[in-house]
Amino acid sequence: MKSSESRLGLWPSLGQAYAGPNLPQCLLLVGQAPQGEPGMTWCRNLLCEGSAEPGCLCRGCQKSLEEHPDLTILSPMPHTIKIDEVRTLLQSLGYHPLWASRRVVWIQEADKLGSDAANLLLKALEEPQAFVYFLLTTEHPDRVLATIRSRCHKVHLANAVTQEIRDDLRPDWMLARPLLPEHIVEAVWYVEQRFRRTHNPNWLVLWERLWQAHQALSANANQDVWRERLRQWWLLS
């Protein structure tokens, strides 16, 4: 990616898009989302031993995340994440993954790391083991220790738009000038809802194509070319 930041919705092929050798080992997901999302989706994709697609039958995808041996979750108990929890976590990170190719640490509500805990975690973020990936989620990035933020690749998630906006999204939304990745994200939320309501595979196909468009526009591809592709894809959905 050209930028150290990106804006993504929740695509089913998210894991494939981030499965290459340049996958950042420290990710900070910023934004409001439904309970448990998007962390669960990212963890699933990072730990998948198969295709990282819905319905994957690998052993990791057939287990609940809480049962996966290569995932550690830290969350406020009840108000802060304490230094003892981080110390215990770091002591366990020297072990290689058992199932997946990675060990994943998911820190929920990273803004609630205590100051001592945050400073201890910072040392692990600076030089993580090659197989260890940190996933931090927060709605309040300004409350996360600045040095932690600087060590992480930031991913800004599209805020969930309201039901009315999703239902009123018009097929000519792609006529915006300039056509930006943010416009693609808005369309993704609409398409996601349509797929969940109807289970029509055409919406899932469009979902995948929107991901292609997001990648292209993020790389400064020709907007007019992609605008025409989007128009044709939309009409076929």
C-alpha atoms as a PDB file:
ATOM      1  CA  MET A   1       0.000   0.000   0.000  1.00  0.00           C
ATOM      2  CA  LYS A   2       1.183   3.501  -0.716  1.00  0.00           C
ATOM      3  CA  SER A   3       0.000   4.945   2.564  1.00  0.00           C
ATOM      4  CA  SER A   4       0.548   3.782   6.114  1.00  0.00           C
ATOM      5  CA  GLU A   5      -3.189   4.052   6.550  1.00  0.00           C
ATOM      6  CA  SER A   6      -6.127   2.532   4.730  1.00  0.00           C
ATOM      7  CA  ARG A   7      -9.897   2.550   4.915  1.00  0.00           C
ATOM      8  CA  LEU A   8     -11.662  -0.777   4.690  1.00  0.00           C
ATOM      9  CA  GLY A   9     -15.036  -2.300   5.220  1.00  0.00           C
ATOM     10  CA  LEU A  10     -15.431  -6.011   5.928  1.00  0.00           C
ATOM     11  CA  TRP A  11     -14.827  -7.995   2.762  1.00  0.00           C
ATOM     12  CA  PRO A  12     -14.988 -11.809   2.790  1.00  0.00           C
ATOM     13  CA  SER A  13     -11.586 -11.943   1.066  1.00  0.00           C
ATOM     14  CA  LEU A  14      -9.962  -9.602   3.567  1.00  0.00           C
ATOM     15  CA  GLY A  15      -7.439 -12.237   4.599  1.00  0.00           C
ATOM     16  CA  GLN A  16      -6.347 -12.831   1.017  1.00  0.00           C
ATOM     17  CA  ALA A  17      -5.801  -9.141   0.459  1.00  0.00           C
ATOM     18  CA  TYR A  18      -3.511  -8.975   3.485  1.00  0.00           C
ATOM     19  CA  ALA A  19      -1.900 -12.406   3.148  1.00  0.00           C
ATOM     20  CA  GLY A  20       1.202 -11.284   1.270  1.00  0.00           C
ATOM     21  CA  PRO A  21       4.726 -10.968   2.636  1.00  0.00           C
ATOM     22  CA  ASN A  22       4.260  -7.264   3.425  1.00  0.00           C
ATOM     23  CA  LEU A  23       1.493  -7.811   5.966  1.00  0.00           C
ATOM     24  CA  PRO A  24       2.168  -5.432   8.893  1.00  0.00           C
ATOM     25  CA  GLN A  25       2.764  -7.263  12.150  1.00  0.00           C
ATOM     26  CA  CYS A  26       1.172  -4.509  14.226  1.00  0.00           C
ATOM     27  CA  LEU A  27      -2.278  -3.318  13.173  1.00  0.00           C
ATOM     28  CA  LEU A  28      -4.457  -0.684  14.813  1.00  0.00           C
ATOM     29  CA  LEU A  29      -8.097  -0.852  13.700  1.00  0.00           C
ATOM     30  CA  VAL A  30      -9.855   2.445  14.340  1.00  0.00           C
ATOM     31  CA  GLY A  31     -13.599   3.051  14.227  1.00  0.00           C
ATOM     32  CA  GLN A  32     -17.007   2.062  15.476  1.00  0.00           C
ATOM     33  CA  ALA A  33     -18.374  -1.323  14.479  1.00  0.00           C
ATOM     34  CA  PRO A  34     -20.915  -3.929  15.608  1.00  0.00           C
ATOM     35  CA  GLN A  35     -20.054  -5.886  18.767  1.00  0.00           C
ATOM     36  CA  GLY A  36     -16.947  -7.975  18.228  1.00  0.00           C
ATOM     37  CA  GLU A  37     -16.357  -6.735  14.710  1.00  0.00           C
ATOM     38  CA  PRO A  38     -14.094  -6.149  12.905  1.00  0.00           C
ATOM     39  CA  GLY A  39     -11.602  -7.849  15.206  1.00  0.00           C
ATOM     40  CA  MET A  40     -13.232 -11.256  14.824  1.00  0.00           C
ATOM     41  CA  THR A  41     -13.129 -11.041  11.038  1.00  0.00           C
ATOM     42  CA  TRP A  42      -9.463 -10.054  11.010  1.00  0.00           C
ATOM     43  CA  CYS A  43      -8.498 -12.752  13.508  1.00  0.00           C
ATOM     44  CA  ARG A  44     -10.341 -15.370  11.461  1.00  0.00           C
ATOM     45  CA  ASN A  45      -8.509 -14.356   8.310  1.00  0.00           C
ATOM     46  CA  LEU A  46      -5.095 -14.076   9.948  1.00  0.00           C
ATOM     47  CA  LEU A  47      -5.430 -17.530  11.507  1.00  0.00           C
ATOM     48  CA  CYS A  48      -7.058 -19.319   8.577  1.00  0.00           C
ATOM     49  CA  GLU A  49      -5.082 -22.289   7.237  1.00  0.00           C
ATOM     50  CA  GLY A  50      -7.123 -22.436   4.042  1.00  0.00           C
ATOM     51  CA  SER A  51      -8.676 -19.956   1.651  1.00  0.00           C
ATOM     52  CA  ALA A  52      -9.718 -17.234   4.130  1.00  0.00           C
ATOM     53  CA  GLU A  53     -13.157 -17.409   2.506  1.00  0.00           C
ATOM     54  CA  PRO A  54     -16.574 -17.862   4.175  1.00  0.00           C
ATOM     55  CA  GLY A  55     -17.261 -21.538   4.806  1.00  0.00           C
ATOM     56  CA  CYS A  56     -13.591 -22.555   5.007  1.00  0.00           C
ATOM     57  CA  LEU A  57     -13.276 -26.042   6.502  1.00  0.00           C
ATOM     58  CA  CYS A  58      -9.784 -25.729   8.002  1.00  0.00           C
ATOM     59  CA  ARG A  59      -9.572 -26.765  11.657  1.00  0.00           C
ATOM     60  CA  GLY A  60      -9.054 -23.197  12.823  1.00  0.00           C
ATOM     61  CA  CYS A  61     -12.191 -21.918  11.100  1.00  0.00           C
ATOM     62  CA  GLN A  62     -14.221 -24.781  12.537  1.00  0.00           C
ATOM     63  CA  LYS A  63     -13.366 -23.749  16.091  1.00  0.00           C
ATOM     64  CA  SER A  64     -14.539 -20.737  18.043  1.00  0.00           C
ATOM     65  CA  LEU A  65     -11.897 -18.049  18.324  1.00  0.00           C
ATOM     66  CA  GLU A  66     -11.704 -18.619  22.074  1.00  0.00           C
ATOM     67  CA  GLU A  67     -10.651 -22.221  21.415  1.00  0.00           C
ATOM     68  CA  HIS A  68      -7.939 -21.417  18.881  1.00  0.00           C
ATOM     69  CA  PRO A  69      -4.507 -22.188  20.384  1.00  0.00           C
ATOM     70  CA  ASP A  70      -2.745 -19.485  18.354  1.00  0.00           C
ATOM     71  CA  LEU A  71      -4.939 -16.575  19.475  1.00  0.00           C
ATOM     72  CA  THR A  72      -4.595 -14.571  22.675  1.00  0.00           C
ATOM     73  CA  ILE A  73      -7.221 -11.954  23.540  1.00  0.00           C
ATOM     74  CA  LEU A  74      -6.685  -9.157  26.043  1.00  0.00           C
ATOM     75  CA  SER A  75      -9.614  -6.980  27.065  1.00  0.00           C
ATOM     76  CA  PRO A  76     -10.329  -4.571  29.924  1.00  0.00           C
ATOM     77  CA  MET A  77     -11.253  -6.374  33.135  1.00  0.00           C
ATOM     78  CA  PRO A  78     -13.385  -4.419  33.777  1.00  0.00           C
ATOM     79  CA  HIS A  79     -11.951  -0.960  33.101  1.00  0.00           C
ATOM     80  CA  THR A  80      -8.263  -1.353  32.253  1.00  0.00           C
ATOM     81  CA  ILE A  81      -5.776  -3.849  30.840  1.00  0.00           C
ATOM     82  CA  LYS A  82      -3.178  -4.254  33.570  1.00  0.00           C
ATOM     83  CA  ILE A  83       0.560  -4.736  33.392  1.00  0.00           C
ATOM     84  CA  ASP A  84       0.382  -8.249  34.865  1.00  0.00           C
ATOM     85  CA  GLU A  85      -1.822  -9.357  31.959  1.00  0.00           C
ATOM     86  CA  VAL A  86       0.610  -7.925  29.420  1.00  0.00           C
ATOM     87  CA  ARG A  87       3.587  -9.468  31.220  1.00  0.00           C
ATOM     88  CA  THR A  88       1.938 -12.906  31.149  1.00  0.00           C
ATOM     89  CA  LEU A  89       1.156 -12.442  27.456  1.00  0.00           C
ATOM     90  CA  LEU A  90       4.718 -11.505  26.545  1.00  0.00           C
ATOM     91  CA  GLN A  91       6.116 -14.497  28.392  1.00  0.00           C
ATOM     92  CA  SER A  92       4.062 -16.784  26.139  1.00  0.00           C
ATOM     93  CA  LEU A  93       5.009 -15.252  22.790  1.00  0.00           C
ATOM     94  CA  GLY A  94       8.222 -17.203  22.350  1.00  0.00           C
ATOM     95  CA  TYR A  95       6.278 -20.354  21.497  1.00  0.00           C
ATOM     96  CA  HIS A  96       5.692 -21.091  17.824  1.00  0.00           C
ATOM     97  CA  PRO A  97       2.102 -21.371  16.528  1.00  0.00           C
ATOM     98  CA  LEU A  98       0.486 -24.800  16.810  1.00  0.00           C
ATOM     99  CA  TRP A  99      -2.025 -24.678  13.947  1.00  0.00           C
ATOM    100  CA  ALA A 100      -1.728 -21.519  11.897  1.00  0.00           C
ATOM    101  CA  SER A 101       1.365 -19.904  10.429  1.00  0.00           C
ATOM    102  CA  ARG A 102       0.950 -17.008  12.860  1.00  0.00           C
ATOM    103  CA  ARG A 103       0.278 -16.287  16.475  1.00  0.00           C
ATOM    104  CA  VAL A 104      -2.224 -13.461  16.834  1.00  0.00           C
ATOM    105  CA  VAL A 105      -2.638 -11.153  19.821  1.00  0.00           C
ATOM    106  CA  TRP A 106      -5.942  -9.271  19.791  1.00  0.00           C
ATOM    107  CA  ILE A 107      -6.014  -6.340  22.223  1.00  0.00           C
ATOM    108  CA  GLN A 108      -9.562  -5.085  22.534  1.00  0.00           C
ATOM    109  CA  GLU A 109     -10.219  -1.468  23.506  1.00  0.00           C
ATOM    110  CA  ALA A 110      -6.515  -0.677  23.296  1.00  0.00           C
ATOM    111  CA  ASP A 111      -7.217   2.807  24.629  1.00  0.00           C
ATOM    112  CA  LYS A 112      -7.793   1.160  28.028  1.00  0.00           C
ATOM    113  CA  LEU A 113      -4.262  -0.137  28.403  1.00  0.00           C
ATOM    114  CA  GLY A 114      -2.860   1.145  31.684  1.00  0.00           C
ATOM    115  CA  SER A 115       0.201   3.356  31.277  1.00  0.00           C
ATOM    116  CA  ASP A 116       2.596   0.715  32.664  1.00  0.00           C
ATOM    117  CA  ALA A 117       0.942  -1.987  30.559  1.00  0.00           C
ATOM    118  CA  ALA A 118       1.155   0.165  27.422  1.00  0.00           C
ATOM    119  CA  ASN A 119       4.854   0.879  27.924  1.00  0.00           C
ATOM    120  CA  LEU A 120       5.592  -2.806  28.458  1.00  0.00           C
ATOM    121  CA  LEU A 121       3.629  -3.740  25.344  1.00  0.00           C
ATOM    122  CA  LEU A 122       5.543  -1.138  23.357  1.00  0.00           C
ATOM    123  CA  LYS A 123       8.741  -3.144  23.702  1.00  0.00           C
ATOM    124  CA  ALA A 124       7.077  -6.159  22.086  1.00  0.00           C
ATOM    125  CA  LEU A 125       5.661  -4.047  19.250  1.00  0.00           C
ATOM    126  CA  GLU A 126       9.091  -2.648  18.416  1.00  0.00           C
ATOM    127  CA  GLU A 127      10.624  -6.044  17.587  1.00  0.00           C
ATOM    128  CA  PRO A 128       7.943  -8.734  17.370  1.00  0.00           C
ATOM    129  CA  GLN A 129       8.821 -12.338  16.650  1.00  0.00           C
ATOM    130  CA  ALA A 130       8.465 -13.084  12.923  1.00  0.00           C
ATOM    131  CA  PHE A 131       5.358 -15.219  13.511  1.00  0.00           C
ATOM    132  CA  VAL A 132       3.601 -12.890  15.993  1.00  0.00           C
ATOM    133  CA  TYR A 133       0.950 -10.419  14.817  1.00  0.00           C
ATOM    134  CA  PHE A 134      -0.636  -7.789  17.028  1.00  0.00           C
ATOM    135  CA  LEU A 135      -4.177  -6.579  16.356  1.00  0.00           C
ATOM    136  CA  LEU A 136      -5.326  -3.590  18.423  1.00  0.00           C
ATOM    137  CA  THR A 137      -8.872  -2.268  18.152  1.00  0.00           C
ATOM    138  CA  THR A 138     -10.192   1.025  19.461  1.00  0.00           C
ATOM    139  CA  GLU A 139     -12.836   3.677  18.939  1.00  0.00           C
ATOM    140  CA  HIS A 140     -10.602   6.289  20.578  1.00  0.00           C
ATOM    141  CA  PRO A 141      -7.153   6.277  18.935  1.00  0.00           C
ATOM    142  CA  ASP A 142      -6.235   9.578  20.589  1.00  0.00           C
ATOM    143  CA  ARG A 143      -6.290   7.770  23.948  1.00  0.00           C
ATOM    144  CA  VAL A 144      -3.814   5.120  22.797  1.00  0.00           C
ATOM    145  CA  LEU A 145      -0.204   5.783  23.771  1.00  0.00           C
ATOM    146  CA  ALA A 146       1.330   7.843  20.957  1.00  0.00           C
ATOM    147  CA  THR A 147       4.391   5.611  20.673  1.00  0.00           C
ATOM    148  CA  ILE A 148       2.127   2.574  20.261  1.00  0.00           C
ATOM    149  CA  ARG A 149       0.175   4.341  17.519  1.00  0.00           C
ATOM    150  CA  SER A 150       3.421   5.136  15.734  1.00  0.00           C
ATOM    151  CA  ARG A 151       4.428   1.447  15.731  1.00  0.00           C
ATOM    152  CA  CYS A 152       1.144   0.294  14.185  1.00  0.00           C
ATOM    153  CA  HIS A 153      -0.244   0.296  10.668  1.00  0.00           C
ATOM    154  CA  LYS A 154      -3.524   2.162  11.099  1.00  0.00           C
ATOM    155  CA  VAL A 155      -6.686   0.942   9.392  1.00  0.00           C
ATOM    156  CA  HIS A 156      -9.613   3.359   9.560  1.00  0.00           C
ATOM    157  CA  LEU A 157     -12.877   1.479   9.333  1.00  0.00           C
ATOM    158  CA  ALA A 158     -15.970   2.951   7.804  1.00  0.00           C
ATOM    159  CA  ASN A 159     -18.429   3.825  10.520  1.00  0.00           C
ATOM    160  CA  ALA A 160     -21.623   1.850  10.196  1.00  0.00           C
ATOM    161  CA  VAL A 161     -24.034   4.031   8.275  1.00  0.00           C
ATOM    162  CA  THR A 162     -27.667   4.165   9.290  1.00  0.00           C
ATOM    163  CA  GLN A 163     -30.348   1.876   7.921  1.00  0.00           C
ATOM    164  CA  GLU A 164     -31.888   4.759   6.024  1.00  0.00           C
ATOM    165  CA  ILE A 165     -28.648   5.723   4.296  1.00  0.00           C
ATOM    166  CA  ARG A 166     -27.938   2.120   3.318  1.00  0.00           C
ATOM    167  CA  ASP A 167     -31.408   1.684   1.869  1.00  0.00           C
ATOM    168  CA  ASP A 168     -31.218   4.963  -0.031  1.00  0.00           C
ATOM    169  CA  LEU A 169     -27.823   4.376  -1.657  1.00  0.00           C
ATOM    170  CA  ARG A 170     -28.370   5.105  -5.359  1.00  0.00           C
ATOM    171  CA  PRO A 171     -26.836   3.094  -8.213  1.00  0.00           C
ATOM    172  CA  ASP A 172     -25.179   6.266  -9.546  1.00  0.00           C
ATOM    173  CA  TRP A 173     -23.147   6.837  -6.377  1.00  0.00           C
ATOM    174  CA  MET A 174     -20.022   6.062  -8.371  1.00  0.00           C
ATOM    175  CA  LEU A 175     -20.422   9.273 -10.392  1.00  0.00           C
ATOM    176  CA  ALA A 176     -18.764  11.212  -7.548  1.00  0.00           C
ATOM    177  CA  ARG A 177     -15.844  13.348  -8.661  1.00  0.00           C
ATOM    178  CA  PRO A 178     -13.302  12.579  -7.492  1.00  0.00           C
ATOM    179  CA  LEU A 179     -14.217   8.930  -6.936  1.00  0.00           C
ATOM    180  CA  LEU A 180     -12.446   7.994  -3.708  1.00  0.00           C
ATOM    181  CA  PRO A 181     -11.877   4.757  -1.761  1.00  0.00           C
ATOM    182  CA  GLU A 182     -14.263   6.177   0.864  1.00  0.00           C
ATOM    183  CA  HIS A 183     -17.094   6.015  -1.683  1.00  0.00           C
ATOM    184  CA  ILE A 184     -16.361   2.327  -2.220  1.00  0.00           C
ATOM    185  CA  VAL A 185     -16.559   1.700   1.517  1.00  0.00           C
ATOM    186  CA  GLU A 186     -20.006   3.300   1.690  1.00  0.00           C
ATOM    187  CA  ALA A 187     -21.177   1.039  -1.127  1.00  0.00           C
ATOM    188  CA  VAL A 188     -19.748  -2.010   0.640  1.00  0.00           C
ATOM    189  CA  TRP A 189     -21.946  -1.474   3.677  1.00  0.00           C
ATOM    190  CA  TYR A 190     -24.976  -1.302   1.390  1.00  0.00           C
ATOM    191  CA  VAL A 191     -23.972  -4.448  -0.524  1.00  0.00           C
ATOM    192  CA  GLU A 192     -23.181  -6.298   2.699  1.00  0.00           C
ATOM    193  CA  GLN A 193     -26.667  -5.623   3.996  1.00  0.00           C
ATOM    194  CA  ARG A 194     -28.263  -6.744   0.740  1.00  0.00           C
ATOM    195  CA  PHE A 195     -26.323 -10.002   0.811  1.00  0.00           C
ATOM    196  CA  ARG A 196     -27.210 -10.705   4.447  1.00  0.00           C
ATOM    197  CA  ARG A 197     -30.885 -10.067   3.742  1.00  0.00           C
ATOM    198  CA  THR A 198     -31.230 -12.010   0.506  1.00  0.00           C
ATOM    199  CA  HIS A 199     -28.278 -14.454   0.430  1.00  0.00           C
ATOM    200  CA  ASN A 200     -28.214 -13.740  -3.288  1.00  0.00           C
ATOM    201  CA  PRO A 201     -24.721 -14.720  -4.543  1.00  0.00           C
ATOM    202  CA  ASN A 202     -24.747 -11.807  -7.002  1.00  0.00           C
ATOM    203  CA  TRP A 203     -24.286  -9.434  -4.073  1.00  0.00           C
ATOM    204  CA  LEU A 204     -21.325 -11.474  -2.857  1.00  0.00           C
ATOM    205  CA  VAL A 205     -19.750 -11.257  -6.323  1.00  0.00           C
ATOM    206  CA  LEU A 206     -20.249  -7.492  -6.276  1.00  0.00           C
ATOM    207  CA  TRP A 207     -18.756  -7.391  -2.782  1.00  0.00           C
ATOM    208  CA  GLU A 208     -15.584  -9.004  -4.148  1.00  0.00           C
ATOM    209  CA  ARG A 209     -15.446  -6.629  -7.114  1.00  0.00           C
ATOM    210  CA  LEU A 210     -15.760  -3.621  -4.849  1.00  0.00           C
ATOM    211  CA  TRP A 211     -12.652  -4.819  -3.074  1.00  0.00           C
ATOM    212  CA  GLN A 212     -10.811  -4.794  -6.420  1.00  0.00           C
ATOM    213  CA  ALA A 213     -12.011  -1.251  -7.027  1.00  0.00           C
ATOM    214  CA  HIS A 214     -10.928  -0.155  -3.553  1.00  0.00           C
ATOM    215  CA  GLN A 215      -7.433  -1.516  -4.141  1.00  0.00           C
ATOM    216  CA  ALA A 216      -7.178   0.178  -7.534  1.00  0.00           C
ATOM    217  CA  LEU A 217      -8.421   3.576  -6.364  1.00  0.00           C
ATOM    218  CA  SER A 218      -6.147   3.426  -3.308  1.00  0.00           C
ATOM    219  CA  ALA A 219      -3.273   3.016  -5.780  1.00  0.00           C
ATOM    220  CA  ASN A 220      -4.424   6.083  -7.776  1.00  0.00           C
ATOM    221  CA  ALA A 221      -5.771   4.117 -10.747  1.00  0.00           C
ATOM    222  CA  ASN A 222      -7.698   5.889 -13.505  1.00  0.00           C
ATOM    223  CA  GLN A 223     -10.994   6.915 -11.918  1.00  0.00           C
ATOM    224  CA  ASP A 224     -12.947   7.066 -15.179  1.00  0.00           C
ATOM    225  CA  VAL A 225     -11.983   3.502 -16.078  1.00  0.00           C
ATOM    226  CA  TRP A 226     -13.041   2.202 -12.681  1.00  0.00           C
ATOM    227  CA  ARG A 227     -16.168   4.323 -12.649  1.00  0.00           C
ATOM    228  CA  GLU A 228     -17.304   2.596 -15.867  1.00  0.00           C
ATOM    229  CA  ARG A 229     -16.456  -0.837 -14.482  1.00  0.00           C
ATOM    230  CA  LEU A 230     -18.419  -0.111 -11.344  1.00  0.00           C
ATOM    231  CA  ARG A 231     -21.387   1.080 -13.372  1.00  0.00           C
ATOM    232  CA  GLN A 232     -21.439  -2.151 -15.376  1.00  0.00           C
ATOM    233  CA  TRP A 233     -20.969  -4.370 -12.331  1.00  0.00           C
ATOM    234  CA  TRP A 234     -23.704  -2.535 -10.461  1.00  0.00           C
ATOM    235  CA  LEU A 235     -26.190  -2.982 -13.285  1.00  0.00           C
ATOM    236  CA  LEU A 236     -25.497  -6.714 -13.312  1.00  0.00           C
ATOM    237  CA  SER A 237     -26.042  -7.177  -9.577  1.00  0.00           C
END
